[in-house]
Amino acid sequence: MALRLLLPLLLLTAAILITQAQGIGNLGMDCCLKYSLKSISGNRVTSYTLQGSESGCLLRAVVFTTRKNKKICASPTDPAVQKLMQNLDKRVRKDKKKEQSPRYRGRPKHQKQQQDECLPYQ
């Protein structure tokens, strides 16, 4: 009786372990399988990543992330996609410059000169 209950449990555990060992359990979860045919609006896109064989995916693609955190797959050879990538890179560089605080450079020279000319109290 116990063997009848134990056998299906063992078979299920073995099947799960085999599929995870082969990578079938999580194959393609984060990979684009095809390109989107719709045009991508630059106003909606916040960032992008590159997908390829180094990330474990079969299809080379540019994965854009929208403001609503949706993923859009696009062809890296498409001129419109390359232009959008360049615009995003410019936007990121511009935002980084805004975040940098101005450097402290001390008092202006004309204030130092005025202070040097003053005589101490006697």
PDB file of N, CA and C in Angstrom:
ATOM      1  N   MET A   1       0.825  -1.197   0.000  1.00  0.00           N
ATOM      2  CA  MET A   1       0.000   0.000   0.000  1.00  0.00           C
ATOM      3  C   MET A   1       0.868   1.260   0.000  1.00  0.00           C
ATOM      4  N   ALA A   2       1.907   1.273   0.844  1.00  0.00           N
ATOM      5  CA  ALA A   2       2.779   2.438   0.924  1.00  0.00           C
ATOM      6  C   ALA A   2       3.559   2.615  -0.369  1.00  0.00           C
ATOM      7  N   LEU A   3       3.875   1.504  -1.030  1.00  0.00           N
ATOM      8  CA  LEU A   3       4.619   1.567  -2.287  1.00  0.00           C
ATOM      9  C   LEU A   3       3.787   2.227  -3.381  1.00  0.00           C
ATOM     10  N   ARG A   4       2.484   1.991  -3.389  1.00  0.00           N
ATOM     11  CA  ARG A   4       1.595   2.620  -4.382  1.00  0.00           C
ATOM     12  C   ARG A   4       1.572   4.133  -4.222  1.00  0.00           C
ATOM     13  N   LEU A   5       1.657   4.619  -3.013  1.00  0.00           N
ATOM     14  CA  LEU A   5       1.653   6.063  -2.773  1.00  0.00           C
ATOM     15  C   LEU A   5       3.029   6.668  -3.026  1.00  0.00           C
ATOM     16  N   LEU A   6       4.059   5.922  -2.720  1.00  0.00           N
ATOM     17  CA  LEU A   6       5.420   6.430  -2.846  1.00  0.00           C
ATOM     18  C   LEU A   6       5.921   6.459  -4.285  1.00  0.00           C
ATOM     19  N   LEU A   7       5.509   5.516  -5.103  1.00  0.00           N
ATOM     20  CA  LEU A   7       5.988   5.424  -6.474  1.00  0.00           C
ATOM     21  C   LEU A   7       5.623   6.649  -7.317  1.00  0.00           C
ATOM     22  N   PRO A   8       4.382   7.109  -7.338  1.00  0.00           N
ATOM     23  CA  PRO A   8       4.072   8.317  -8.130  1.00  0.00           C
ATOM     24  C   PRO A   8       4.829   9.552  -7.631  1.00  0.00           C
ATOM     25  N   LEU A   9       5.027   9.645  -6.332  1.00  0.00           N
ATOM     26  CA  LEU A   9       5.763  10.772  -5.781  1.00  0.00           C
ATOM     27  C   LEU A   9       7.225  10.742  -6.228  1.00  0.00           C
ATOM     28  N   LEU A  10       7.828   9.583  -6.247  1.00  0.00           N
ATOM     29  CA  LEU A  10       9.197   9.437  -6.707  1.00  0.00           C
ATOM     30  C   LEU A  10       9.330   9.753  -8.197  1.00  0.00           C
ATOM     31  N   LEU A  11       8.378   9.291  -8.990  1.00  0.00           N
ATOM     32  CA  LEU A  11       8.413   9.571 -10.428  1.00  0.00           C
ATOM     33  C   LEU A  11       8.273  11.072 -10.705  1.00  0.00           C
ATOM     34  N   LEU A  12       7.407  11.728  -9.989  1.00  0.00           N
ATOM     35  CA  LEU A  12       7.220  13.171 -10.162  1.00  0.00           C
ATOM     36  C   LEU A  12       8.476  13.933  -9.761  1.00  0.00           C
ATOM     37  N   THR A  13       9.079  13.565  -8.661  1.00  0.00           N
ATOM     38  CA  THR A  13      10.320  14.208  -8.211  1.00  0.00           C
ATOM     39  C   THR A  13      11.435  13.991  -9.226  1.00  0.00           C
ATOM     40  N   ALA A  14      11.547  12.784  -9.765  1.00  0.00           N
ATOM     41  CA  ALA A  14      12.578  12.488 -10.762  1.00  0.00           C
ATOM     42  C   ALA A  14      12.353  13.307 -12.026  1.00  0.00           C
ATOM     43  N   ALA A  15      11.123  13.446 -12.453  1.00  0.00           N
ATOM     44  CA  ALA A  15      10.821  14.222 -13.665  1.00  0.00           C
ATOM     45  C   ALA A  15      11.184  15.693 -13.469  1.00  0.00           C
ATOM     46  N   ILE A  16      10.888  16.249 -12.304  1.00  0.00           N
ATOM     47  CA  ILE A  16      11.221  17.654 -12.020  1.00  0.00           C
ATOM     48  C   ILE A  16      12.727  17.853 -12.013  1.00  0.00           C
ATOM     49  N   LEU A  17      13.452  16.956 -11.367  1.00  0.00           N
ATOM     50  CA  LEU A  17      14.908  17.084 -11.305  1.00  0.00           C
ATOM     51  C   LEU A  17      15.554  16.965 -12.676  1.00  0.00           C
ATOM     52  N   ILE A  18      15.051  16.088 -13.520  1.00  0.00           N
ATOM     53  CA  ILE A  18      15.627  15.904 -14.857  1.00  0.00           C
ATOM     54  C   ILE A  18      15.394  17.144 -15.716  1.00  0.00           C
ATOM     55  N   THR A  19      14.196  17.698 -15.677  1.00  0.00           N
ATOM     56  CA  THR A  19      13.915  18.877 -16.508  1.00  0.00           C
ATOM     57  C   THR A  19      14.717  20.086 -16.035  1.00  0.00           C
ATOM     58  N   GLN A  20      14.921  20.246 -14.741  1.00  0.00           N
ATOM     59  CA  GLN A  20      15.726  21.358 -14.253  1.00  0.00           C
ATOM     60  C   GLN A  20      17.193  21.164 -14.586  1.00  0.00           C
ATOM     61  N   ALA A  21      17.680  19.938 -14.546  1.00  0.00           N
ATOM     62  CA  ALA A  21      19.074  19.665 -14.865  1.00  0.00           C
ATOM     63  C   ALA A  21      19.355  19.946 -16.337  1.00  0.00           C
ATOM     64  N   GLN A  22      18.380  19.709 -17.205  1.00  0.00           N
ATOM     65  CA  GLN A  22      18.549  19.966 -18.625  1.00  0.00           C
ATOM     66  C   GLN A  22      18.266  21.424 -18.974  1.00  0.00           C
ATOM     67  N   GLY A  23      17.755  22.202 -18.049  1.00  0.00           N
ATOM     68  CA  GLY A  23      17.450  23.600 -18.316  1.00  0.00           C
ATOM     69  C   GLY A  23      16.112  23.808 -18.982  1.00  0.00           C
ATOM     70  N   ILE A  24      15.295  22.770 -19.094  1.00  0.00           N
ATOM     71  CA  ILE A  24      14.004  22.895 -19.756  1.00  0.00           C
ATOM     72  C   ILE A  24      13.017  23.663 -18.881  1.00  0.00           C
ATOM     73  N   GLY A  25      13.185  23.583 -17.573  1.00  0.00           N
ATOM     74  CA  GLY A  25      12.244  24.222 -16.666  1.00  0.00           C
ATOM     75  C   GLY A  25      12.203  25.729 -16.787  1.00  0.00           C
ATOM     76  N   ASN A  26      13.330  26.368 -17.164  1.00  0.00           N
ATOM     77  CA  ASN A  26      13.339  27.819 -17.250  1.00  0.00           C
ATOM     78  C   ASN A  26      13.840  28.312 -18.602  1.00  0.00           C
ATOM     79  N   LEU A  27      13.756  27.491 -19.627  1.00  0.00           N
ATOM     80  CA  LEU A  27      14.217  27.863 -20.960  1.00  0.00           C
ATOM     81  C   LEU A  27      13.312  28.940 -21.563  1.00  0.00           C
ATOM     82  N   GLY A  28      13.895  30.047 -21.971  1.00  0.00           N
ATOM     83  CA  GLY A  28      13.144  31.075 -22.673  1.00  0.00           C
ATOM     84  C   GLY A  28      12.278  31.963 -21.816  1.00  0.00           C
ATOM     85  N   MET A  29      12.433  31.928 -20.508  1.00  0.00           N
ATOM     86  CA  MET A  29      11.581  32.776 -19.676  1.00  0.00           C
ATOM     87  C   MET A  29      11.842  34.251 -19.945  1.00  0.00           C
ATOM     88  N   ASP A  30      13.095  34.648 -20.114  1.00  0.00           N
ATOM     89  CA  ASP A  30      13.439  36.040 -20.312  1.00  0.00           C
ATOM     90  C   ASP A  30      13.941  36.316 -21.723  1.00  0.00           C
ATOM     91  N   CYS A  31      13.799  35.377 -22.618  1.00  0.00           N
ATOM     92  CA  CYS A  31      14.316  35.536 -23.974  1.00  0.00           C
ATOM     93  C   CYS A  31      13.205  35.924 -24.943  1.00  0.00           C
ATOM     94  N   CYS A  32      13.562  36.817 -25.885  1.00  0.00           N
ATOM     95  CA  CYS A  32      12.645  37.139 -26.973  1.00  0.00           C
ATOM     96  C   CYS A  32      12.656  35.981 -27.954  1.00  0.00           C
ATOM     97  N   LEU A  33      11.497  35.596 -28.414  1.00  0.00           N
ATOM     98  CA  LEU A  33      11.395  34.531 -29.395  1.00  0.00           C
ATOM     99  C   LEU A  33      11.151  35.075 -30.791  1.00  0.00           C
ATOM    100  N   LYS A  34      10.663  36.325 -30.878  1.00  0.00           N
ATOM    101  CA  LYS A  34      10.457  36.988 -32.162  1.00  0.00           C
ATOM    102  C   LYS A  34      10.462  38.498 -31.943  1.00  0.00           C
ATOM    103  N   TYR A  35      10.595  39.248 -33.042  1.00  0.00           N
ATOM    104  CA  TYR A  35      10.621  40.707 -32.979  1.00  0.00           C
ATOM    105  C   TYR A  35       9.210  41.266 -33.073  1.00  0.00           C
ATOM    106  N   SER A  36       9.001  42.389 -32.407  1.00  0.00           N
ATOM    107  CA  SER A  36       7.741  43.096 -32.526  1.00  0.00           C
ATOM    108  C   SER A  36       7.709  43.809 -33.870  1.00  0.00           C
ATOM    109  N   LEU A  37       6.573  43.794 -34.542  1.00  0.00           N
ATOM    110  CA  LEU A  37       6.451  44.444 -35.846  1.00  0.00           C
ATOM    111  C   LEU A  37       5.948  45.880 -35.730  1.00  0.00           C
ATOM    112  N   LYS A  38       5.492  46.276 -34.545  1.00  0.00           N
ATOM    113  CA  LYS A  38       4.974  47.629 -34.344  1.00  0.00           C
ATOM    114  C   LYS A  38       6.136  48.606 -34.156  1.00  0.00           C
ATOM    115  N   SER A  39       5.906  49.861 -34.535  1.00  0.00           N
ATOM    116  CA  SER A  39       6.927  50.881 -34.292  1.00  0.00           C
ATOM    117  C   SER A  39       6.942  51.213 -32.803  1.00  0.00           C
ATOM    118  N   ILE A  40       8.111  51.558 -32.303  1.00  0.00           N
ATOM    119  CA  ILE A  40       8.289  51.790 -30.874  1.00  0.00           C
ATOM    120  C   ILE A  40       8.428  53.282 -30.630  1.00  0.00           C
ATOM    121  N   SER A  41       7.593  53.822 -29.767  1.00  0.00           N
ATOM    122  CA  SER A  41       7.622  55.244 -29.453  1.00  0.00           C
ATOM    123  C   SER A  41       8.733  55.542 -28.445  1.00  0.00           C
ATOM    124  N   GLY A  42       9.573  56.515 -28.758  1.00  0.00           N
ATOM    125  CA  GLY A  42      10.667  56.890 -27.870  1.00  0.00           C
ATOM    126  C   GLY A  42      10.191  57.498 -26.566  1.00  0.00           C
ATOM    127  N   ASN A  43       8.978  58.052 -26.557  1.00  0.00           N
ATOM    128  CA  ASN A  43       8.440  58.666 -25.344  1.00  0.00           C
ATOM    129  C   ASN A  43       8.080  57.633 -24.293  1.00  0.00           C
ATOM    130  N   ARG A  44       7.737  56.443 -24.716  1.00  0.00           N
ATOM    131  CA  ARG A  44       7.302  55.404 -23.782  1.00  0.00           C
ATOM    132  C   ARG A  44       8.458  54.564 -23.249  1.00  0.00           C
ATOM    133  N   VAL A  45       9.581  54.568 -23.951  1.00  0.00           N
ATOM    134  CA  VAL A  45      10.706  53.696 -23.604  1.00  0.00           C
ATOM    135  C   VAL A  45      11.619  54.381 -22.592  1.00  0.00           C
ATOM    136  N   THR A  46      12.024  53.636 -21.571  1.00  0.00           N
ATOM    137  CA  THR A  46      12.912  54.186 -20.540  1.00  0.00           C
ATOM    138  C   THR A  46      14.319  53.608 -20.604  1.00  0.00           C
ATOM    139  N   SER A  47      14.467  52.379 -21.097  1.00  0.00           N
ATOM    140  CA  SER A  47      15.790  51.753 -21.157  1.00  0.00           C
ATOM    141  C   SER A  47      15.758  50.605 -22.157  1.00  0.00           C
ATOM    142  N   TYR A  48      16.939  50.019 -22.370  1.00  0.00           N
ATOM    143  CA  TYR A  48      17.029  48.846 -23.234  1.00  0.00           C
ATOM    144  C   TYR A  48      18.175  47.958 -22.778  1.00  0.00           C
ATOM    145  N   THR A  49      18.103  46.686 -23.158  1.00  0.00           N
ATOM    146  CA  THR A  49      19.183  45.736 -22.934  1.00  0.00           C
ATOM    147  C   THR A  49      19.384  44.948 -24.218  1.00  0.00           C
ATOM    148  N   LEU A  50      20.570  44.380 -24.359  1.00  0.00           N
ATOM    149  CA  LEU A  50      20.871  43.560 -25.522  1.00  0.00           C
ATOM    150  C   LEU A  50      20.768  42.090 -25.136  1.00  0.00           C
ATOM    151  N   GLN A  51      20.163  41.326 -26.016  1.00  0.00           N
ATOM    152  CA  GLN A  51      19.985  39.891 -25.792  1.00  0.00           C
ATOM    153  C   GLN A  51      20.723  39.136 -26.882  1.00  0.00           C
ATOM    154  N   GLY A  52      21.394  38.070 -26.501  1.00  0.00           N
ATOM    155  CA  GLY A  52      22.104  37.257 -27.483  1.00  0.00           C
ATOM    156  C   GLY A  52      22.525  35.931 -26.897  1.00  0.00           C
ATOM    157  N   SER A  53      23.428  35.276 -27.576  1.00  0.00           N
ATOM    158  CA  SER A  53      23.861  33.945 -27.129  1.00  0.00           C
ATOM    159  C   SER A  53      24.583  34.008 -25.788  1.00  0.00           C
ATOM    160  N   GLU A  54      25.251  35.153 -25.492  1.00  0.00           N
ATOM    161  CA  GLU A  54      25.937  35.281 -24.204  1.00  0.00           C
ATOM    162  C   GLU A  54      24.968  35.311 -23.025  1.00  0.00           C
ATOM    163  N   SER A  55      23.708  35.678 -23.283  1.00  0.00           N
ATOM    164  CA  SER A  55      22.700  35.674 -22.222  1.00  0.00           C
ATOM    165  C   SER A  55      21.875  34.392 -22.233  1.00  0.00           C
ATOM    166  N   GLY A  56      22.253  33.440 -23.076  1.00  0.00           N
ATOM    167  CA  GLY A  56      21.572  32.155 -23.108  1.00  0.00           C
ATOM    168  C   GLY A  56      20.359  32.126 -24.012  1.00  0.00           C
ATOM    169  N   CYS A  57      20.205  33.107 -24.879  1.00  0.00           N
ATOM    170  CA  CYS A  57      19.051  33.183 -25.769  1.00  0.00           C
ATOM    171  C   CYS A  57      19.488  32.894 -27.203  1.00  0.00           C
ATOM    172  N   LEU A  58      18.595  32.319 -27.982  1.00  0.00           N
ATOM    173  CA  LEU A  58      18.914  31.969 -29.357  1.00  0.00           C
ATOM    174  C   LEU A  58      18.823  33.168 -30.297  1.00  0.00           C
ATOM    175  N   LEU A  59      17.913  34.086 -30.041  1.00  0.00           N
ATOM    176  CA  LEU A  59      17.655  35.224 -30.918  1.00  0.00           C
ATOM    177  C   LEU A  59      18.400  36.459 -30.438  1.00  0.00           C
ATOM    178  N   ARG A  60      19.168  37.101 -31.328  1.00  0.00           N
ATOM    179  CA  ARG A  60      19.793  38.387 -30.995  1.00  0.00           C
ATOM    180  C   ARG A  60      18.709  39.447 -31.091  1.00  0.00           C
ATOM    181  N   ALA A  61      18.563  40.250 -30.030  1.00  0.00           N
ATOM    182  CA  ALA A  61      17.502  41.249 -30.009  1.00  0.00           C
ATOM    183  C   ALA A  61      17.868  42.398 -29.080  1.00  0.00           C
ATOM    184  N   VAL A  62      17.163  43.507 -29.277  1.00  0.00           N
ATOM    185  CA  VAL A  62      17.212  44.636 -28.355  1.00  0.00           C
ATOM    186  C   VAL A  62      15.897  44.589 -27.593  1.00  0.00           C
ATOM    187  N   VAL A  63      15.975  44.565 -26.275  1.00  0.00           N
ATOM    188  CA  VAL A  63      14.771  44.491 -25.447  1.00  0.00           C
ATOM    189  C   VAL A  63      14.566  45.853 -24.796  1.00  0.00           C
ATOM    190  N   PHE A  64      13.533  46.565 -25.256  1.00  0.00           N
ATOM    191  CA  PHE A  64      13.208  47.873 -24.701  1.00  0.00           C
ATOM    192  C   PHE A  64      12.260  47.698 -23.525  1.00  0.00           C
ATOM    193  N   THR A  65      12.420  48.526 -22.500  1.00  0.00           N
ATOM    194  CA  THR A  65      11.531  48.530 -21.341  1.00  0.00           C
ATOM    195  C   THR A  65      10.740  49.833 -21.364  1.00  0.00           C
ATOM    196  N   THR A  66       9.423  49.739 -21.239  1.00  0.00           N
ATOM    197  CA  THR A  66       8.566  50.919 -21.272  1.00  0.00           C
ATOM    198  C   THR A  66       8.344  51.457 -19.865  1.00  0.00           C
ATOM    199  N   ARG A  67       7.685  52.599 -19.791  1.00  0.00           N
ATOM    200  CA  ARG A  67       7.361  53.199 -18.484  1.00  0.00           C
ATOM    201  C   ARG A  67       6.477  52.288 -17.644  1.00  0.00           C
ATOM    202  N   LYS A  68       5.644  51.495 -18.311  1.00  0.00           N
ATOM    203  CA  LYS A  68       4.767  50.566 -17.598  1.00  0.00           C
ATOM    204  C   LYS A  68       5.451  49.225 -17.348  1.00  0.00           C
ATOM    205  N   ASN A  69       6.789  49.188 -17.528  1.00  0.00           N
ATOM    206  CA  ASN A  69       7.615  48.007 -17.284  1.00  0.00           C
ATOM    207  C   ASN A  69       7.274  46.838 -18.205  1.00  0.00           C
ATOM    208  N   LYS A  70       6.830  47.147 -19.432  1.00  0.00           N
ATOM    209  CA  LYS A  70       6.593  46.110 -20.424  1.00  0.00           C
ATOM    210  C   LYS A  70       7.834  45.969 -21.279  1.00  0.00           C
ATOM    211  N   LYS A  71       8.076  44.776 -21.791  1.00  0.00           N
ATOM    212  CA  LYS A  71       9.239  44.477 -22.620  1.00  0.00           C
ATOM    213  C   LYS A  71       8.815  44.407 -24.082  1.00  0.00           C
ATOM    214  N   ILE A  72       9.616  45.050 -24.958  1.00  0.00           N
ATOM    215  CA  ILE A  72       9.368  45.019 -26.397  1.00  0.00           C
ATOM    216  C   ILE A  72      10.641  44.538 -27.072  1.00  0.00           C
ATOM    217  N   CYS A  73      10.539  43.497 -27.870  1.00  0.00           N
ATOM    218  CA  CYS A  73      11.685  42.930 -28.569  1.00  0.00           C
ATOM    219  C   CYS A  73      11.793  43.546 -29.958  1.00  0.00           C
ATOM    220  N   ALA A  74      13.016  43.930 -30.336  1.00  0.00           N
ATOM    221  CA  ALA A  74      13.230  44.552 -31.636  1.00  0.00           C
ATOM    222  C   ALA A  74      14.525  44.035 -32.254  1.00  0.00           C
ATOM    223  N   SER A  75      14.604  44.173 -33.563  1.00  0.00           N
ATOM    224  CA  SER A  75      15.782  43.725 -34.297  1.00  0.00           C
ATOM    225  C   SER A  75      16.929  44.714 -34.118  1.00  0.00           C
ATOM    226  N   PRO A  76      18.119  44.233 -33.761  1.00  0.00           N
ATOM    227  CA  PRO A  76      19.259  45.135 -33.583  1.00  0.00           C
ATOM    228  C   PRO A  76      19.779  45.723 -34.892  1.00  0.00           C
ATOM    229  N   THR A  77      19.388  45.162 -36.038  1.00  0.00           N
ATOM    230  CA  THR A  77      19.845  45.678 -37.330  1.00  0.00           C
ATOM    231  C   THR A  77      18.907  46.718 -37.917  1.00  0.00           C
ATOM    232  N   ASP A  78      17.746  46.912 -37.319  1.00  0.00           N
ATOM    233  CA  ASP A  78      16.776  47.899 -37.815  1.00  0.00           C
ATOM    234  C   ASP A  78      17.298  49.313 -37.542  1.00  0.00           C
ATOM    235  N   PRO A  79      17.388  50.185 -38.574  1.00  0.00           N
ATOM    236  CA  PRO A  79      17.893  51.548 -38.372  1.00  0.00           C
ATOM    237  C   PRO A  79      17.081  52.358 -37.354  1.00  0.00           C
ATOM    238  N   ALA A  80      15.764  52.164 -37.315  1.00  0.00           N
ATOM    239  CA  ALA A  80      14.930  52.892 -36.350  1.00  0.00           C
ATOM    240  C   ALA A  80      15.251  52.464 -34.923  1.00  0.00           C
ATOM    241  N   VAL A  81      15.546  51.199 -34.742  1.00  0.00           N
ATOM    242  CA  VAL A  81      15.906  50.673 -33.415  1.00  0.00           C
ATOM    243  C   VAL A  81      17.261  51.233 -32.993  1.00  0.00           C
ATOM    244  N   GLN A  82      18.211  51.283 -33.905  1.00  0.00           N
ATOM    245  CA  GLN A  82      19.535  51.831 -33.596  1.00  0.00           C
ATOM    246  C   GLN A  82      19.437  53.310 -33.230  1.00  0.00           C
ATOM    247  N   LYS A  83      18.590  54.050 -33.935  1.00  0.00           N
ATOM    248  CA  LYS A  83      18.390  55.476 -33.641  1.00  0.00           C
ATOM    249  C   LYS A  83      17.771  55.649 -32.251  1.00  0.00           C
ATOM    250  N   LEU A  84      16.802  54.823 -31.904  1.00  0.00           N
ATOM    251  CA  LEU A  84      16.173  54.889 -30.586  1.00  0.00           C
ATOM    252  C   LEU A  84      17.182  54.561 -29.488  1.00  0.00           C
ATOM    253  N   MET A  85      18.057  53.608 -29.734  1.00  0.00           N
ATOM    254  CA  MET A  85      19.092  53.261 -28.763  1.00  0.00           C
ATOM    255  C   MET A  85      20.037  54.451 -28.549  1.00  0.00           C
ATOM    256  N   GLN A  86      20.416  55.121 -29.623  1.00  0.00           N
ATOM    257  CA  GLN A  86      21.287  56.295 -29.515  1.00  0.00           C
ATOM    258  C   GLN A  86      20.609  57.416 -28.731  1.00  0.00           C
ATOM    259  N   ASN A  87      19.323  57.634 -28.992  1.00  0.00           N
ATOM    260  CA  ASN A  87      18.587  58.674 -28.266  1.00  0.00           C
ATOM    261  C   ASN A  87      18.493  58.350 -26.779  1.00  0.00           C
ATOM    262  N   LEU A  88      18.281  57.086 -26.445  1.00  0.00           N
ATOM    263  CA  LEU A  88      18.236  56.688 -25.038  1.00  0.00           C
ATOM    264  C   LEU A  88      19.592  56.884 -24.370  1.00  0.00           C
ATOM    265  N   ASP A  89      20.668  56.556 -25.083  1.00  0.00           N
ATOM    266  CA  ASP A  89      22.012  56.759 -24.529  1.00  0.00           C
ATOM    267  C   ASP A  89      22.264  58.239 -24.261  1.00  0.00           C
ATOM    268  N   LYS A  90      21.852  59.110 -25.179  1.00  0.00           N
ATOM    269  CA  LYS A  90      22.013  60.551 -24.985  1.00  0.00           C
ATOM    270  C   LYS A  90      21.209  61.029 -23.786  1.00  0.00           C
ATOM    271  N   ARG A  91      19.989  60.511 -23.647  1.00  0.00           N
ATOM    272  CA  ARG A  91      19.124  60.912 -22.538  1.00  0.00           C
ATOM    273  C   ARG A  91      19.734  60.515 -21.200  1.00  0.00           C
ATOM    274  N   VAL A  92      20.322  59.321 -21.148  1.00  0.00           N
ATOM    275  CA  VAL A  92      20.944  58.846 -19.910  1.00  0.00           C
ATOM    276  C   VAL A  92      22.151  59.709 -19.561  1.00  0.00           C
ATOM    277  N   ARG A  93      22.990  60.037 -20.567  1.00  0.00           N
ATOM    278  CA  ARG A  93      24.154  60.889 -20.313  1.00  0.00           C
ATOM    279  C   ARG A  93      23.733  62.267 -19.839  1.00  0.00           C
ATOM    280  N   LYS A  94      22.672  62.802 -20.417  1.00  0.00           N
ATOM    281  CA  LYS A  94      22.161  64.123 -20.039  1.00  0.00           C
ATOM    282  C   LYS A  94      21.652  64.109 -18.599  1.00  0.00           C
ATOM    283  N   ASP A  95      20.942  63.040 -18.219  1.00  0.00           N
ATOM    284  CA  ASP A  95      20.423  62.923 -16.855  1.00  0.00           C
ATOM    285  C   ASP A  95      21.553  62.790 -15.846  1.00  0.00           C
ATOM    286  N   LYS A  96      22.627  62.084 -16.213  1.00  0.00           N
ATOM    287  CA  LYS A  96      23.764  61.931 -15.296  1.00  0.00           C
ATOM    288  C   LYS A  96      24.445  63.263 -15.054  1.00  0.00           C
ATOM    289  N   LYS A  97      24.531  64.100 -16.096  1.00  0.00           N
ATOM    290  CA  LYS A  97      25.152  65.417 -15.926  1.00  0.00           C
ATOM    291  C   LYS A  97      24.323  66.283 -14.990  1.00  0.00           C
ATOM    292  N   LYS A  98      23.006  66.172 -15.075  1.00  0.00           N
ATOM    293  CA  LYS A  98      22.132  66.953 -14.194  1.00  0.00           C
ATOM    294  C   LYS A  98      22.289  66.529 -12.741  1.00  0.00           C
ATOM    295  N   GLU A  99      22.530  65.246 -12.506  1.00  0.00           N
ATOM    296  CA  GLU A  99      22.645  64.728 -11.151  1.00  0.00           C
ATOM    297  C   GLU A  99      23.940  65.150 -10.468  1.00  0.00           C
ATOM    298  N   GLN A 100      24.973  65.441 -11.249  1.00  0.00           N
ATOM    299  CA  GLN A 100      26.248  65.820 -10.658  1.00  0.00           C
ATOM    300  C   GLN A 100      26.126  67.187 -10.007  1.00  0.00           C
ATOM    301  N   SER A 101      26.606  67.299  -8.781  1.00  0.00           N
ATOM    302  CA  SER A 101      26.551  68.578  -8.082  1.00  0.00           C
ATOM    303  C   SER A 101      27.728  69.440  -8.504  1.00  0.00           C
ATOM    304  N   PRO A 102      27.557  70.756  -8.487  1.00  0.00           N
ATOM    305  CA  PRO A 102      28.674  71.631  -8.868  1.00  0.00           C
ATOM    306  C   PRO A 102      29.801  71.523  -7.849  1.00  0.00           C
ATOM    307  N   ARG A 103      31.026  71.660  -8.323  1.00  0.00           N
ATOM    308  CA  ARG A 103      32.182  71.557  -7.432  1.00  0.00           C
ATOM    309  C   ARG A 103      32.342  72.835  -6.622  1.00  0.00           C
ATOM    310  N   TYR A 104      32.808  72.703  -5.400  1.00  0.00           N
ATOM    311  CA  TYR A 104      33.074  73.862  -4.556  1.00  0.00           C
ATOM    312  C   TYR A 104      34.448  74.398  -4.931  1.00  0.00           C
ATOM    313  N   ARG A 105      34.514  75.653  -5.271  1.00  0.00           N
ATOM    314  CA  ARG A 105      35.777  76.241  -5.722  1.00  0.00           C
ATOM    315  C   ARG A 105      36.241  77.357  -4.807  1.00  0.00           C
ATOM    316  N   GLY A 106      35.630  77.504  -3.664  1.00  0.00           N
ATOM    317  CA  GLY A 106      36.052  78.560  -2.739  1.00  0.00           C
ATOM    318  C   GLY A 106      35.453  79.906  -3.115  1.00  0.00           C
ATOM    319  N   ARG A 107      35.952  80.942  -2.482  1.00  0.00           N
ATOM    320  CA  ARG A 107      35.441  82.277  -2.771  1.00  0.00           C
ATOM    321  C   ARG A 107      36.005  82.800  -4.086  1.00  0.00           C
ATOM    322  N   PRO A 108      35.258  83.660  -4.759  1.00  0.00           N
ATOM    323  CA  PRO A 108      35.791  84.278  -5.970  1.00  0.00           C
ATOM    324  C   PRO A 108      37.017  85.128  -5.649  1.00  0.00           C
ATOM    325  N   LYS A 109      37.886  85.337  -6.654  1.00  0.00           N
ATOM    326  CA  LYS A 109      39.138  86.052  -6.448  1.00  0.00           C
ATOM    327  C   LYS A 109      38.924  87.488  -5.989  1.00  0.00           C
ATOM    328  N   HIS A 110      37.904  88.162  -6.499  1.00  0.00           N
ATOM    329  CA  HIS A 110      37.721  89.562  -6.125  1.00  0.00           C
ATOM    330  C   HIS A 110      37.410  89.723  -4.639  1.00  0.00           C
ATOM    331  N   GLN A 111      36.785  88.748  -4.018  1.00  0.00           N
ATOM    332  CA  GLN A 111      36.532  88.831  -2.583  1.00  0.00           C
ATOM    333  C   GLN A 111      37.828  88.652  -1.799  1.00  0.00           C
ATOM    334  N   LYS A 112      38.703  87.789  -2.256  1.00  0.00           N
ATOM    335  CA  LYS A 112      39.981  87.597  -1.568  1.00  0.00           C
ATOM    336  C   LYS A 112      40.822  88.858  -1.629  1.00  0.00           C
ATOM    337  N   GLN A 113      40.818  89.519  -2.762  1.00  0.00           N
ATOM    338  CA  GLN A 113      41.612  90.725  -2.909  1.00  0.00           C
ATOM    339  C   GLN A 113      41.092  91.824  -1.990  1.00  0.00           C
ATOM    340  N   GLN A 114      39.787  91.956  -1.887  1.00  0.00           N
ATOM    341  CA  GLN A 114      39.218  92.986  -1.018  1.00  0.00           C
ATOM    342  C   GLN A 114      39.588  92.717   0.436  1.00  0.00           C
ATOM    343  N   GLN A 115      39.596  91.478   0.842  1.00  0.00           N
ATOM    344  CA  GLN A 115      39.919  91.134   2.214  1.00  0.00           C
ATOM    345  C   GLN A 115      41.387  91.443   2.505  1.00  0.00           C
ATOM    346  N   ASP A 116      42.282  91.209   1.561  1.00  0.00           N
ATOM    347  CA  ASP A 116      43.703  91.483   1.749  1.00  0.00           C
ATOM    348  C   ASP A 116      43.963  92.978   1.903  1.00  0.00           C
ATOM    349  N   GLU A 117      43.162  93.808   1.294  1.00  0.00           N
ATOM    350  CA  GLU A 117      43.379  95.255   1.341  1.00  0.00           C
ATOM    351  C   GLU A 117      42.924  95.870   2.660  1.00  0.00           C
ATOM    352  N   CYS A 118      42.075  95.183   3.372  1.00  0.00           N
ATOM    353  CA  CYS A 118      41.564  95.730   4.648  1.00  0.00           C
ATOM    354  C   CYS A 118      42.644  95.667   5.717  1.00  0.00           C
ATOM    355  N   LEU A 119      42.689  96.700   6.541  1.00  0.00           N
ATOM    356  CA  LEU A 119      43.642  96.751   7.624  1.00  0.00           C
ATOM    357  C   LEU A 119      42.991  96.204   8.902  1.00  0.00           C
ATOM    358  N   PRO A 120      43.727  95.506   9.726  1.00  0.00           N
ATOM    359  CA  PRO A 120      43.147  94.983  10.979  1.00  0.00           C
ATOM    360  C   PRO A 120      42.860  96.130  11.949  1.00  0.00           C
ATOM    361  N   TYR A 121      41.966  95.902  12.887  1.00  0.00           N
ATOM    362  CA  TYR A 121      41.625  96.904  13.897  1.00  0.00           C
ATOM    363  C   TYR A 121      42.805  97.124  14.826  1.00  0.00           C
ATOM    364  N   GLN A 122      42.984  98.372  15.271  1.00  0.00           N
ATOM    365  CA  GLN A 122      44.089  98.675  16.180  1.00  0.00           C
ATOM    366  C   GLN A 122      43.587  99.037  17.545  1.00  0.00           C
TER     367      GLN A 122
END
